[in-house]
Amino acid sequence: MCRNIKTLFNFDPPATEDEIQAASLQFVRKLSGFNSPSKANEEAFNQAIEEVTEAARKLLASLVTNAEPRNREVEIEKARVRNAIRFGNENQV
C-alpha cells in the first residue's frame, strides 16, 4: 500500500491537488488498516484524509530547495526501468 505514496516535492509542474489527496488517502489507509472504513468509522476516516491533505499541502508549500525541479517523464521512466529489473522483465525496458 505505501508504495503508492509518491514523492510530491520539487517537480515541474508542481504536484496537483489530486496527487496530494491520493497520497493522503493512501497514508490514512495505511495508518488505519482500512481500505474503506465501516459506516461507524467513515466520518473519522474522511476527517483524517482532509487533515492530512491540508498538512501535506502546507508542507509542500513551505519546503525550499536549490536543486533543479525533477521532470515527471524522466522519473516515470526511471521507475519503469527499476520495476522491470525488480520484477524480472529487463527485456521490456
N, C-alpha and C. Protein backbone atom coordinates (compact mmCIF):
# COMPACT_ATOMS: atom_id res chain seq x y z
N MET A 1 0.82 -1.19 0.00
CA MET A 1 0.00 0.00 0.00
C MET A 1 0.86 1.26 0.00
N CYS A 2 1.93 1.31 0.79
CA CYS A 2 2.74 2.52 0.88
C CYS A 2 3.51 2.81 -0.40
N ARG A 3 3.72 1.80 -1.24
CA ARG A 3 4.43 2.07 -2.48
C ARG A 3 3.65 3.03 -3.37
N ASN A 4 2.38 3.21 -3.10
CA ASN A 4 1.56 4.12 -3.89
C ASN A 4 1.75 5.57 -3.49
N ILE A 5 2.40 5.81 -2.36
CA ILE A 5 2.66 7.18 -1.95
C ILE A 5 3.94 7.62 -2.63
N LYS A 6 3.82 8.59 -3.49
CA LYS A 6 4.95 9.06 -4.29
C LYS A 6 5.49 10.36 -3.73
N THR A 7 6.77 10.63 -4.04
CA THR A 7 7.36 11.91 -3.69
C THR A 7 6.64 12.99 -4.50
N LEU A 8 6.25 14.05 -3.82
CA LEU A 8 5.49 15.11 -4.49
C LEU A 8 6.25 16.43 -4.56
N PHE A 9 7.36 16.54 -3.86
CA PHE A 9 8.09 17.80 -3.79
C PHE A 9 9.09 17.95 -4.92
N ASN A 10 9.24 19.16 -5.39
CA ASN A 10 10.26 19.58 -6.35
C ASN A 10 10.06 18.96 -7.73
N PHE A 11 8.86 19.03 -8.22
CA PHE A 11 8.57 18.60 -9.59
C PHE A 11 8.11 19.80 -10.40
N ASP A 12 8.35 19.72 -11.68
CA ASP A 12 7.86 20.73 -12.60
C ASP A 12 7.00 20.02 -13.63
N PRO A 13 5.72 20.22 -13.66
CA PRO A 13 4.92 21.13 -12.83
C PRO A 13 4.73 20.56 -11.42
N PRO A 14 4.40 21.44 -10.46
CA PRO A 14 4.21 21.01 -9.08
C PRO A 14 3.10 19.97 -8.94
N ALA A 15 3.11 19.30 -7.80
CA ALA A 15 2.08 18.30 -7.50
C ALA A 15 0.69 18.93 -7.59
N THR A 16 -0.23 18.16 -8.12
CA THR A 16 -1.61 18.65 -8.23
C THR A 16 -2.36 18.35 -6.95
N GLU A 17 -3.49 18.98 -6.81
CA GLU A 17 -4.36 18.73 -5.65
C GLU A 17 -4.77 17.25 -5.62
N ASP A 18 -5.04 16.67 -6.77
CA ASP A 18 -5.41 15.26 -6.84
C ASP A 18 -4.29 14.35 -6.35
N GLU A 19 -3.06 14.68 -6.69
CA GLU A 19 -1.92 13.87 -6.24
C GLU A 19 -1.74 13.96 -4.72
N ILE A 20 -1.91 15.15 -4.18
CA ILE A 20 -1.81 15.34 -2.73
C ILE A 20 -2.93 14.57 -2.04
N GLN A 21 -4.13 14.66 -2.56
CA GLN A 21 -5.29 13.95 -2.00
C GLN A 21 -5.08 12.43 -2.05
N ALA A 22 -4.56 11.92 -3.17
CA ALA A 22 -4.34 10.48 -3.31
C ALA A 22 -3.29 9.98 -2.32
N ALA A 23 -2.22 10.75 -2.15
CA ALA A 23 -1.18 10.36 -1.19
C ALA A 23 -1.74 10.38 0.23
N SER A 24 -2.57 11.36 0.53
CA SER A 24 -3.18 11.45 1.86
C SER A 24 -4.11 10.27 2.11
N LEU A 25 -4.89 9.91 1.12
CA LEU A 25 -5.78 8.76 1.24
C LEU A 25 -4.98 7.50 1.52
N GLN A 26 -3.89 7.28 0.77
CA GLN A 26 -3.06 6.10 0.98
C GLN A 26 -2.44 6.09 2.38
N PHE A 27 -2.02 7.25 2.85
CA PHE A 27 -1.43 7.36 4.18
C PHE A 27 -2.45 7.00 5.26
N VAL A 28 -3.65 7.53 5.16
CA VAL A 28 -4.70 7.23 6.14
C VAL A 28 -5.10 5.76 6.05
N ARG A 29 -5.17 5.21 4.87
CA ARG A 29 -5.47 3.77 4.72
C ARG A 29 -4.42 2.94 5.43
N LYS A 30 -3.16 3.30 5.26
CA LYS A 30 -2.08 2.54 5.88
C LYS A 30 -2.16 2.65 7.40
N LEU A 31 -2.35 3.85 7.91
CA LEU A 31 -2.42 4.04 9.36
C LEU A 31 -3.60 3.31 9.98
N SER A 32 -4.74 3.38 9.32
CA SER A 32 -5.96 2.81 9.90
C SER A 32 -6.08 1.31 9.65
N GLY A 33 -5.46 0.83 8.59
CA GLY A 33 -5.62 -0.57 8.22
C GLY A 33 -6.89 -0.83 7.44
N PHE A 34 -7.62 0.22 7.09
CA PHE A 34 -8.87 0.09 6.33
C PHE A 34 -8.64 0.54 4.90
N ASN A 35 -9.10 -0.25 3.95
CA ASN A 35 -9.14 0.21 2.57
C ASN A 35 -10.34 1.14 2.41
N SER A 36 -11.45 0.73 2.98
CA SER A 36 -12.61 1.61 3.11
C SER A 36 -13.21 1.33 4.48
N PRO A 37 -13.50 2.37 5.23
CA PRO A 37 -13.94 2.20 6.61
C PRO A 37 -15.41 1.76 6.70
N SER A 38 -15.77 1.25 7.87
CA SER A 38 -17.17 0.95 8.14
C SER A 38 -17.93 2.26 8.28
N LYS A 39 -19.24 2.19 8.26
CA LYS A 39 -20.06 3.41 8.46
C LYS A 39 -19.72 4.08 9.78
N ALA A 40 -19.43 3.27 10.81
CA ALA A 40 -19.12 3.82 12.13
C ALA A 40 -17.82 4.63 12.11
N ASN A 41 -16.89 4.26 11.24
CA ASN A 41 -15.58 4.94 11.19
C ASN A 41 -15.44 5.89 10.01
N GLU A 42 -16.44 5.98 9.17
CA GLU A 42 -16.34 6.76 7.95
C GLU A 42 -16.06 8.24 8.20
N GLU A 43 -16.74 8.83 9.15
CA GLU A 43 -16.55 10.26 9.42
C GLU A 43 -15.12 10.54 9.90
N ALA A 44 -14.62 9.72 10.83
CA ALA A 44 -13.26 9.91 11.33
C ALA A 44 -12.24 9.69 10.21
N PHE A 45 -12.46 8.70 9.38
CA PHE A 45 -11.59 8.38 8.26
C PHE A 45 -11.52 9.56 7.29
N ASN A 46 -12.67 10.07 6.90
CA ASN A 46 -12.72 11.20 5.96
C ASN A 46 -12.12 12.47 6.56
N GLN A 47 -12.34 12.69 7.84
CA GLN A 47 -11.76 13.85 8.52
C GLN A 47 -10.24 13.74 8.53
N ALA A 48 -9.73 12.55 8.78
CA ALA A 48 -8.28 12.34 8.78
C ALA A 48 -7.70 12.63 7.40
N ILE A 49 -8.38 12.19 6.35
CA ILE A 49 -7.90 12.45 4.99
C ILE A 49 -7.82 13.95 4.74
N GLU A 50 -8.85 14.69 5.14
CA GLU A 50 -8.85 16.14 4.97
C GLU A 50 -7.70 16.80 5.72
N GLU A 51 -7.47 16.37 6.95
CA GLU A 51 -6.41 16.96 7.76
C GLU A 51 -5.02 16.63 7.23
N VAL A 52 -4.83 15.40 6.79
CA VAL A 52 -3.53 15.01 6.22
C VAL A 52 -3.30 15.76 4.90
N THR A 53 -4.34 15.90 4.10
CA THR A 53 -4.22 16.64 2.84
C THR A 53 -3.80 18.08 3.11
N GLU A 54 -4.41 18.72 4.09
CA GLU A 54 -4.07 20.11 4.43
C GLU A 54 -2.63 20.19 4.94
N ALA A 55 -2.24 19.25 5.80
CA ALA A 55 -0.86 19.24 6.31
C ALA A 55 0.13 19.04 5.17
N ALA A 56 -0.16 18.14 4.25
CA ALA A 56 0.72 17.88 3.11
C ALA A 56 0.82 19.12 2.22
N ARG A 57 -0.31 19.76 1.99
CA ARG A 57 -0.33 20.97 1.16
C ARG A 57 0.57 22.06 1.79
N LYS A 58 0.44 22.25 3.11
CA LYS A 58 1.25 23.24 3.82
C LYS A 58 2.73 22.88 3.77
N LEU A 59 3.03 21.60 3.95
CA LEU A 59 4.41 21.15 3.90
C LEU A 59 5.02 21.42 2.54
N LEU A 60 4.35 21.01 1.49
CA LEU A 60 4.88 21.21 0.14
C LEU A 60 5.06 22.69 -0.19
N ALA A 61 4.18 23.53 0.31
CA ALA A 61 4.27 24.96 0.04
C ALA A 61 5.42 25.62 0.80
N SER A 62 5.81 25.03 1.93
CA SER A 62 6.84 25.66 2.75
C SER A 62 8.25 25.13 2.50
N LEU A 63 8.38 24.00 1.82
CA LEU A 63 9.71 23.43 1.56
C LEU A 63 10.46 24.26 0.53
N VAL A 64 11.78 24.34 0.70
CA VAL A 64 12.63 25.05 -0.25
C VAL A 64 13.79 24.15 -0.65
N THR A 65 14.31 24.37 -1.83
CA THR A 65 15.47 23.62 -2.31
C THR A 65 16.21 24.44 -3.35
N ASN A 66 17.49 24.16 -3.48
CA ASN A 66 18.29 24.77 -4.54
C ASN A 66 18.41 23.84 -5.74
N ALA A 67 17.92 22.62 -5.59
CA ALA A 67 18.00 21.64 -6.66
C ALA A 67 17.04 21.99 -7.79
N GLU A 68 17.42 21.59 -8.98
CA GLU A 68 16.54 21.79 -10.14
C GLU A 68 15.29 20.93 -9.97
N PRO A 69 14.14 21.43 -10.39
CA PRO A 69 12.92 20.60 -10.33
C PRO A 69 13.08 19.35 -11.18
N ARG A 70 12.53 18.25 -10.69
CA ARG A 70 12.60 16.98 -11.41
C ARG A 70 11.53 16.96 -12.50
N ASN A 71 11.86 16.27 -13.57
CA ASN A 71 10.94 16.12 -14.69
C ASN A 71 10.12 14.85 -14.48
N ARG A 72 8.81 14.96 -14.53
CA ARG A 72 7.94 13.82 -14.27
C ARG A 72 8.17 12.66 -15.25
N GLU A 73 8.34 12.97 -16.51
CA GLU A 73 8.52 11.92 -17.51
C GLU A 73 9.82 11.15 -17.27
N VAL A 74 10.88 11.86 -16.91
CA VAL A 74 12.16 11.22 -16.63
C VAL A 74 12.02 10.31 -15.41
N GLU A 75 11.36 10.79 -14.36
CA GLU A 75 11.18 10.00 -13.15
C GLU A 75 10.30 8.77 -13.41
N ILE A 76 9.30 8.90 -14.25
CA ILE A 76 8.45 7.76 -14.60
C ILE A 76 9.28 6.71 -15.34
N GLU A 77 10.13 7.15 -16.25
CA GLU A 77 10.97 6.20 -16.99
C GLU A 77 11.96 5.50 -16.06
N LYS A 78 12.54 6.24 -15.12
CA LYS A 78 13.45 5.62 -14.14
C LYS A 78 12.71 4.55 -13.34
N ALA A 79 11.50 4.85 -12.92
CA ALA A 79 10.70 3.90 -12.15
C ALA A 79 10.37 2.67 -13.00
N ARG A 80 10.07 2.88 -14.26
CA ARG A 80 9.76 1.77 -15.17
C ARG A 80 10.95 0.82 -15.28
N VAL A 81 12.15 1.39 -15.41
CA VAL A 81 13.36 0.58 -15.51
C VAL A 81 13.59 -0.17 -14.20
N ARG A 82 13.47 0.52 -13.05
CA ARG A 82 13.65 -0.14 -11.75
C ARG A 82 12.68 -1.30 -11.59
N ASN A 83 11.41 -1.08 -11.96
CA ASN A 83 10.40 -2.13 -11.82
C ASN A 83 10.67 -3.30 -12.75
N ALA A 84 11.13 -3.02 -13.96
CA ALA A 84 11.45 -4.10 -14.90
C ALA A 84 12.57 -4.97 -14.34
N ILE A 85 13.58 -4.34 -13.78
CA ILE A 85 14.69 -5.09 -13.18
C ILE A 85 14.20 -5.84 -11.94
N ARG A 86 13.44 -5.18 -11.12
CA ARG A 86 12.95 -5.78 -9.87
C ARG A 86 12.08 -7.00 -10.12
N PHE A 87 11.22 -6.92 -11.11
CA PHE A 87 10.27 -8.00 -11.35
C PHE A 87 10.70 -8.92 -12.50
N GLY A 88 11.94 -8.78 -12.96
CA GLY A 88 12.48 -9.71 -13.92
C GLY A 88 12.01 -9.51 -15.35
N ASN A 89 11.66 -8.30 -15.72
CA ASN A 89 11.21 -8.01 -17.09
C ASN A 89 12.19 -7.10 -17.80
N GLU A 90 13.49 -7.35 -17.64
CA GLU A 90 14.50 -6.47 -18.22
C GLU A 90 14.34 -6.32 -19.72
N ASN A 91 13.78 -7.32 -20.40
CA ASN A 91 13.62 -7.25 -21.86
C ASN A 91 12.58 -6.24 -22.28
N GLN A 92 11.72 -5.81 -21.37
CA GLN A 92 10.66 -4.87 -21.71
C GLN A 92 11.09 -3.42 -21.51
N VAL A 93 12.31 -3.20 -21.09
CA VAL A 93 12.79 -1.84 -20.84
C VAL A 93 13.12 -1.15 -22.12
